[in-house]
């Protein structure tokens, strides 16, 4: 979860304004918040992790995003707190039968390695 303070939980933000991501991310967030006993107030929405973090840094709300997204961009003044039990699923589709081009095989290997490293 991204906020301006470390060690935050979903319950700490039951009254916060929320920044929603894409449709799938928003659906997962709603389910997780409802399991924590509240429905988040969605005040802003963006499919762009840079924009979402800019909103958080400006104090406009809090958001959730995948760990892979945090590795690619981390805005100054924004703190990430890992949410236990909040896992996303990643799907990868390829076209055609093997042999895959070497770049496709390398990408799939790198993606699996990164996902496994994140736990």
N, C-alpha and C. Protein backbone atom coordinates (compact mmCIF):
# COMPACT_ATOMS: atom_id res chain seq x y z
N UNK A 1 0.85 -1.17 0.00
CA UNK A 1 0.00 0.00 0.00
C UNK A 1 0.89 1.23 0.00
N UNK A 2 0.48 2.27 -0.67
CA UNK A 2 1.24 3.51 -0.74
C UNK A 2 0.53 4.58 0.08
N UNK A 3 1.29 5.19 0.99
CA UNK A 3 0.77 6.31 1.75
C UNK A 3 1.95 7.21 2.08
N UNK A 4 1.75 8.19 2.94
CA UNK A 4 2.84 9.08 3.30
C UNK A 4 3.46 8.70 4.63
N UNK A 5 2.99 7.61 5.25
CA UNK A 5 3.49 7.19 6.56
C UNK A 5 3.80 5.69 6.53
N UNK A 6 4.91 5.26 7.15
CA UNK A 6 5.28 3.84 7.13
C UNK A 6 4.40 2.99 8.05
N UNK A 7 4.36 1.68 7.76
CA UNK A 7 3.69 0.73 8.63
C UNK A 7 2.18 0.80 8.67
N UNK A 8 1.57 1.36 7.65
CA UNK A 8 0.11 1.51 7.62
C UNK A 8 -0.58 0.20 7.25
N UNK A 9 -1.80 0.04 7.71
CA UNK A 9 -2.64 -1.11 7.34
C UNK A 9 -3.89 -0.59 6.65
N UNK A 10 -4.64 -1.50 6.06
CA UNK A 10 -5.92 -1.09 5.47
C UNK A 10 -6.83 -0.47 6.51
N UNK A 11 -6.91 -1.09 7.68
CA UNK A 11 -7.79 -0.57 8.73
C UNK A 11 -7.43 0.85 9.14
N UNK A 12 -6.13 1.20 9.07
CA UNK A 12 -5.71 2.56 9.38
C UNK A 12 -6.29 3.57 8.41
N UNK A 13 -6.74 3.10 7.26
CA UNK A 13 -7.22 4.01 6.21
C UNK A 13 -8.69 3.81 5.88
N UNK A 14 -9.44 3.29 6.82
CA UNK A 14 -10.87 3.09 6.55
C UNK A 14 -11.57 4.41 6.27
N UNK A 15 -11.08 5.52 6.81
CA UNK A 15 -11.69 6.83 6.60
C UNK A 15 -10.93 7.69 5.59
N UNK A 16 -9.89 7.13 5.00
CA UNK A 16 -9.08 7.88 4.04
C UNK A 16 -9.76 7.95 2.68
N UNK A 17 -9.31 8.89 1.88
CA UNK A 17 -9.70 8.95 0.48
C UNK A 17 -8.78 7.99 -0.26
N UNK A 18 -9.34 7.27 -1.24
CA UNK A 18 -8.59 6.25 -1.96
C UNK A 18 -8.42 6.62 -3.43
N UNK A 19 -7.30 6.21 -3.97
CA UNK A 19 -7.00 6.38 -5.39
C UNK A 19 -7.09 5.00 -6.02
N UNK A 20 -8.03 4.84 -6.92
CA UNK A 20 -8.27 3.54 -7.54
C UNK A 20 -7.39 3.37 -8.77
N UNK A 21 -7.03 2.13 -9.03
CA UNK A 21 -6.26 1.79 -10.22
C UNK A 21 -7.19 1.31 -11.33
N UNK A 22 -6.68 0.39 -12.14
CA UNK A 22 -7.46 -0.16 -13.24
C UNK A 22 -8.67 -0.93 -12.70
N UNK A 23 -9.52 -1.36 -13.58
CA UNK A 23 -10.76 -2.04 -13.18
C UNK A 23 -10.46 -3.29 -12.34
N UNK A 24 -9.48 -4.10 -12.75
CA UNK A 24 -9.13 -5.31 -11.98
C UNK A 24 -8.55 -4.94 -10.62
N UNK A 25 -7.66 -3.96 -10.60
CA UNK A 25 -7.05 -3.52 -9.33
C UNK A 25 -8.12 -2.99 -8.39
N UNK A 26 -9.04 -2.22 -8.93
CA UNK A 26 -10.13 -1.64 -8.13
C UNK A 26 -10.99 -2.74 -7.53
N UNK A 27 -11.31 -3.76 -8.32
CA UNK A 27 -12.11 -4.87 -7.83
C UNK A 27 -11.42 -5.62 -6.71
N UNK A 28 -10.12 -5.87 -6.86
CA UNK A 28 -9.36 -6.54 -5.81
C UNK A 28 -9.30 -5.69 -4.55
N UNK A 29 -9.11 -4.38 -4.71
CA UNK A 29 -9.06 -3.47 -3.56
C UNK A 29 -10.40 -3.48 -2.82
N UNK A 30 -11.49 -3.41 -3.55
CA UNK A 30 -12.81 -3.43 -2.90
C UNK A 30 -13.02 -4.72 -2.11
N UNK A 31 -12.64 -5.85 -2.69
CA UNK A 31 -12.79 -7.13 -1.98
C UNK A 31 -11.94 -7.15 -0.72
N UNK A 32 -10.71 -6.70 -0.80
CA UNK A 32 -9.81 -6.75 0.34
C UNK A 32 -10.29 -5.80 1.45
N UNK A 33 -10.73 -4.61 1.07
CA UNK A 33 -11.23 -3.65 2.06
C UNK A 33 -12.51 -4.17 2.72
N UNK A 34 -13.40 -4.75 1.93
CA UNK A 34 -14.64 -5.30 2.49
C UNK A 34 -14.33 -6.43 3.47
N UNK A 35 -13.31 -7.24 3.17
CA UNK A 35 -12.89 -8.29 4.10
C UNK A 35 -12.33 -7.69 5.39
N UNK A 36 -11.79 -6.47 5.30
CA UNK A 36 -11.26 -5.77 6.48
C UNK A 36 -12.35 -4.98 7.21
N UNK A 37 -13.59 -5.02 6.68
CA UNK A 37 -14.71 -4.41 7.38
C UNK A 37 -15.11 -3.02 6.94
N UNK A 38 -14.68 -2.57 5.78
CA UNK A 38 -15.10 -1.24 5.32
C UNK A 38 -15.13 -1.19 3.80
N UNK A 39 -15.78 -0.17 3.29
CA UNK A 39 -15.82 0.10 1.85
C UNK A 39 -15.06 1.41 1.62
N UNK A 40 -14.00 1.37 0.81
CA UNK A 40 -13.18 2.57 0.61
C UNK A 40 -13.92 3.65 -0.18
N UNK A 41 -13.61 4.92 0.15
CA UNK A 41 -14.14 6.06 -0.61
C UNK A 41 -13.18 6.34 -1.75
N UNK A 42 -13.57 6.00 -2.97
CA UNK A 42 -12.73 6.22 -4.15
C UNK A 42 -12.93 7.65 -4.62
N UNK A 43 -11.87 8.44 -4.55
CA UNK A 43 -12.00 9.84 -4.93
C UNK A 43 -11.27 10.17 -6.23
N UNK A 44 -10.26 9.39 -6.56
CA UNK A 44 -9.51 9.58 -7.81
C UNK A 44 -9.25 8.22 -8.42
N UNK A 45 -8.97 8.21 -9.72
CA UNK A 45 -8.70 6.96 -10.41
C UNK A 45 -7.68 7.19 -11.51
N UNK A 46 -6.74 6.27 -11.64
CA UNK A 46 -5.77 6.32 -12.73
C UNK A 46 -5.21 4.93 -12.95
N UNK A 47 -4.93 4.61 -14.20
CA UNK A 47 -4.28 3.34 -14.54
C UNK A 47 -2.78 3.50 -14.58
N UNK A 48 -2.27 4.67 -14.26
CA UNK A 48 -0.84 4.98 -14.36
C UNK A 48 -0.23 5.04 -12.96
N UNK A 49 0.76 4.16 -12.68
CA UNK A 49 1.35 4.11 -11.34
C UNK A 49 2.09 5.40 -10.99
N UNK A 50 2.63 6.09 -11.97
CA UNK A 50 3.31 7.35 -11.70
C UNK A 50 2.29 8.40 -11.25
N UNK A 51 1.15 8.46 -11.92
CA UNK A 51 0.09 9.40 -11.55
C UNK A 51 -0.47 9.05 -10.17
N UNK A 52 -0.72 7.76 -9.92
CA UNK A 52 -1.24 7.34 -8.62
C UNK A 52 -0.30 7.79 -7.50
N UNK A 53 0.99 7.58 -7.67
CA UNK A 53 1.95 7.98 -6.65
C UNK A 53 2.04 9.49 -6.52
N UNK A 54 1.88 10.22 -7.62
CA UNK A 54 1.87 11.68 -7.55
C UNK A 54 0.68 12.16 -6.73
N UNK A 55 -0.48 11.53 -6.90
CA UNK A 55 -1.66 11.86 -6.10
C UNK A 55 -1.39 11.62 -4.62
N UNK A 56 -0.76 10.47 -4.30
CA UNK A 56 -0.44 10.15 -2.91
C UNK A 56 0.54 11.18 -2.35
N UNK A 57 1.59 11.49 -3.10
CA UNK A 57 2.60 12.46 -2.64
C UNK A 57 1.98 13.83 -2.41
N UNK A 58 0.94 14.16 -3.18
CA UNK A 58 0.26 15.45 -3.01
C UNK A 58 -0.75 15.43 -1.86
N UNK A 59 -0.90 14.27 -1.21
CA UNK A 59 -1.82 14.17 -0.08
C UNK A 59 -3.27 13.99 -0.46
N UNK A 60 -3.52 13.52 -1.69
CA UNK A 60 -4.90 13.38 -2.16
C UNK A 60 -5.54 12.06 -1.78
N UNK A 61 -4.77 11.13 -1.23
CA UNK A 61 -5.33 9.84 -0.85
C UNK A 61 -4.25 8.78 -0.73
N UNK A 62 -4.71 7.55 -0.55
CA UNK A 62 -3.84 6.39 -0.47
C UNK A 62 -4.23 5.42 -1.58
N UNK A 63 -3.34 4.49 -1.90
CA UNK A 63 -3.62 3.52 -2.96
C UNK A 63 -2.87 2.23 -2.70
N UNK A 64 -3.21 1.22 -3.44
CA UNK A 64 -2.46 -0.03 -3.43
C UNK A 64 -1.90 -0.22 -4.83
N UNK A 65 -0.77 -0.93 -4.91
CA UNK A 65 -0.20 -1.28 -6.20
C UNK A 65 0.71 -2.48 -6.03
N UNK A 66 0.95 -3.21 -7.11
CA UNK A 66 1.78 -4.40 -7.03
C UNK A 66 3.24 -4.07 -6.72
N UNK A 67 3.90 -5.03 -6.08
CA UNK A 67 5.32 -4.87 -5.79
C UNK A 67 6.17 -4.65 -7.02
N UNK A 68 5.79 -5.28 -8.14
CA UNK A 68 6.54 -5.08 -9.38
C UNK A 68 6.47 -3.62 -9.82
N UNK A 69 5.33 -2.99 -9.61
CA UNK A 69 5.19 -1.58 -9.98
C UNK A 69 6.09 -0.70 -9.11
N UNK A 70 6.24 -1.07 -7.85
CA UNK A 70 7.08 -0.28 -6.95
C UNK A 70 8.55 -0.37 -7.33
N UNK A 71 8.93 -1.48 -7.93
CA UNK A 71 10.32 -1.63 -8.37
C UNK A 71 10.62 -0.75 -9.58
N UNK A 72 9.59 -0.42 -10.36
CA UNK A 72 9.83 0.38 -11.55
C UNK A 72 9.71 1.88 -11.30
N UNK A 73 8.98 2.27 -10.25
CA UNK A 73 8.84 3.70 -9.95
C UNK A 73 8.53 3.86 -8.46
N UNK A 74 9.22 4.81 -7.83
CA UNK A 74 8.99 5.12 -6.42
C UNK A 74 9.09 6.63 -6.24
N UNK A 75 7.96 7.28 -6.04
CA UNK A 75 7.91 8.74 -5.91
C UNK A 75 8.47 9.19 -4.56
N UNK A 76 9.18 10.30 -4.56
CA UNK A 76 9.69 10.88 -3.32
C UNK A 76 8.53 11.23 -2.39
N UNK A 77 8.71 10.98 -1.10
CA UNK A 77 7.70 11.33 -0.12
C UNK A 77 6.59 10.31 0.04
N UNK A 78 6.66 9.21 -0.70
CA UNK A 78 5.63 8.18 -0.64
C UNK A 78 6.26 6.94 -0.04
N UNK A 79 5.57 6.35 0.95
CA UNK A 79 6.09 5.19 1.67
C UNK A 79 5.23 3.97 1.33
N UNK A 80 5.88 2.84 1.11
CA UNK A 80 5.16 1.59 0.82
C UNK A 80 5.12 0.73 2.07
N UNK A 81 3.95 0.21 2.38
CA UNK A 81 3.77 -0.76 3.47
C UNK A 81 3.19 -2.01 2.85
N UNK A 82 3.84 -3.16 3.09
CA UNK A 82 3.33 -4.40 2.53
C UNK A 82 2.06 -4.81 3.25
N UNK A 83 1.08 -5.21 2.46
CA UNK A 83 -0.18 -5.69 3.01
C UNK A 83 -0.15 -7.22 3.01
N UNK A 84 -0.21 -7.82 4.17
CA UNK A 84 -0.19 -9.27 4.23
C UNK A 84 -1.52 -9.82 3.73
N UNK A 85 -1.43 -10.92 3.01
CA UNK A 85 -2.63 -11.56 2.50
C UNK A 85 -3.19 -10.93 1.23
N UNK A 86 -2.59 -9.86 0.75
CA UNK A 86 -3.06 -9.18 -0.45
C UNK A 86 -2.15 -9.59 -1.60
N UNK A 87 -2.59 -10.54 -2.40
CA UNK A 87 -1.79 -11.04 -3.51
C UNK A 87 -2.54 -10.84 -4.81
N UNK A 88 -1.80 -10.49 -5.82
CA UNK A 88 -2.39 -10.32 -7.14
C UNK A 88 -1.95 -11.48 -8.01
N UNK A 89 -2.70 -11.73 -9.04
CA UNK A 89 -2.35 -12.77 -9.99
C UNK A 89 -1.89 -12.13 -11.28
N UNK A 90 -0.85 -12.70 -11.84
CA UNK A 90 -0.34 -12.24 -13.13
C UNK A 90 -0.54 -13.36 -14.14
N UNK A 91 -1.00 -13.00 -15.31
CA UNK A 91 -1.21 -13.97 -16.37
C UNK A 91 -0.36 -13.58 -17.56
N UNK A 92 0.16 -14.58 -18.21
CA UNK A 92 1.00 -14.35 -19.38
C UNK A 92 0.50 -15.25 -20.49
N UNK A 93 0.25 -14.69 -21.64
CA UNK A 93 -0.20 -15.46 -22.78
C UNK A 93 0.80 -15.29 -23.91
N UNK A 94 1.09 -16.37 -24.61
CA UNK A 94 1.96 -16.30 -25.78
C UNK A 94 1.18 -16.80 -26.98
N UNK A 95 1.66 -16.50 -28.14
CA UNK A 95 0.99 -16.88 -29.37
C UNK A 95 1.78 -17.99 -30.05
N UNK A 96 1.07 -19.00 -30.47
CA UNK A 96 1.69 -20.04 -31.29
C UNK A 96 2.35 -21.15 -30.50
N UNK A 97 2.84 -22.08 -31.22
CA UNK A 97 3.52 -23.24 -30.66
C UNK A 97 5.02 -22.99 -30.61
N UNK A 98 5.71 -23.68 -29.69
CA UNK A 98 7.18 -23.58 -29.66
C UNK A 98 7.73 -23.98 -31.02
N UNK A 99 8.88 -23.55 -31.43
CA UNK A 99 9.84 -22.85 -30.56
C UNK A 99 9.52 -21.37 -30.43
N UNK A 100 9.59 -20.88 -29.21
CA UNK A 100 9.39 -19.46 -28.95
C UNK A 100 10.65 -18.70 -29.36
N UNK A 101 10.48 -17.45 -29.76
CA UNK A 101 11.67 -16.63 -30.01
C UNK A 101 12.48 -16.51 -28.72
N UNK A 102 13.80 -16.42 -28.79
CA UNK A 102 14.63 -16.33 -27.58
C UNK A 102 14.23 -15.18 -26.66
N UNK A 103 13.80 -14.06 -27.22
CA UNK A 103 13.40 -12.91 -26.38
C UNK A 103 12.16 -13.25 -25.54
N UNK A 104 11.22 -14.01 -26.11
CA UNK A 104 10.02 -14.41 -25.38
C UNK A 104 10.39 -15.34 -24.24
N UNK A 105 11.24 -16.31 -24.52
CA UNK A 105 11.69 -17.25 -23.48
C UNK A 105 12.42 -16.50 -22.38
N UNK A 106 13.28 -15.56 -22.72
CA UNK A 106 14.02 -14.78 -21.72
C UNK A 106 13.07 -13.94 -20.88
N UNK A 107 12.06 -13.34 -21.51
CA UNK A 107 11.09 -12.53 -20.78
C UNK A 107 10.30 -13.38 -19.79
N UNK A 108 9.82 -14.53 -20.23
CA UNK A 108 9.05 -15.42 -19.36
C UNK A 108 9.90 -15.87 -18.18
N UNK A 109 11.15 -16.24 -18.44
CA UNK A 109 12.06 -16.65 -17.37
C UNK A 109 12.28 -15.52 -16.37
N UNK A 110 12.52 -14.30 -16.86
CA UNK A 110 12.75 -13.14 -15.98
C UNK A 110 11.50 -12.83 -15.17
N UNK A 111 10.34 -12.92 -15.78
CA UNK A 111 9.09 -12.65 -15.07
C UNK A 111 8.86 -13.67 -13.95
N UNK A 112 9.04 -14.94 -14.26
CA UNK A 112 8.88 -15.99 -13.24
C UNK A 112 9.88 -15.81 -12.09
N UNK A 113 11.13 -15.49 -12.42
CA UNK A 113 12.15 -15.28 -11.41
C UNK A 113 11.78 -14.13 -10.50
N UNK A 114 11.31 -13.03 -11.06
CA UNK A 114 10.94 -11.86 -10.28
C UNK A 114 9.74 -12.15 -9.40
N UNK A 115 8.74 -12.79 -9.95
CA UNK A 115 7.54 -13.12 -9.16
C UNK A 115 7.89 -14.05 -8.01
N UNK A 116 8.72 -15.06 -8.28
CA UNK A 116 9.13 -15.99 -7.22
C UNK A 116 9.95 -15.28 -6.14
N UNK A 117 10.76 -14.30 -6.53
CA UNK A 117 11.57 -13.56 -5.56
C UNK A 117 10.70 -12.69 -4.65
N UNK A 118 9.58 -12.23 -5.18
CA UNK A 118 8.68 -11.39 -4.38
C UNK A 118 7.84 -12.23 -3.43
N UNK A 119 7.81 -13.52 -3.64
CA UNK A 119 7.09 -14.41 -2.73
C UNK A 119 5.67 -14.50 -3.07
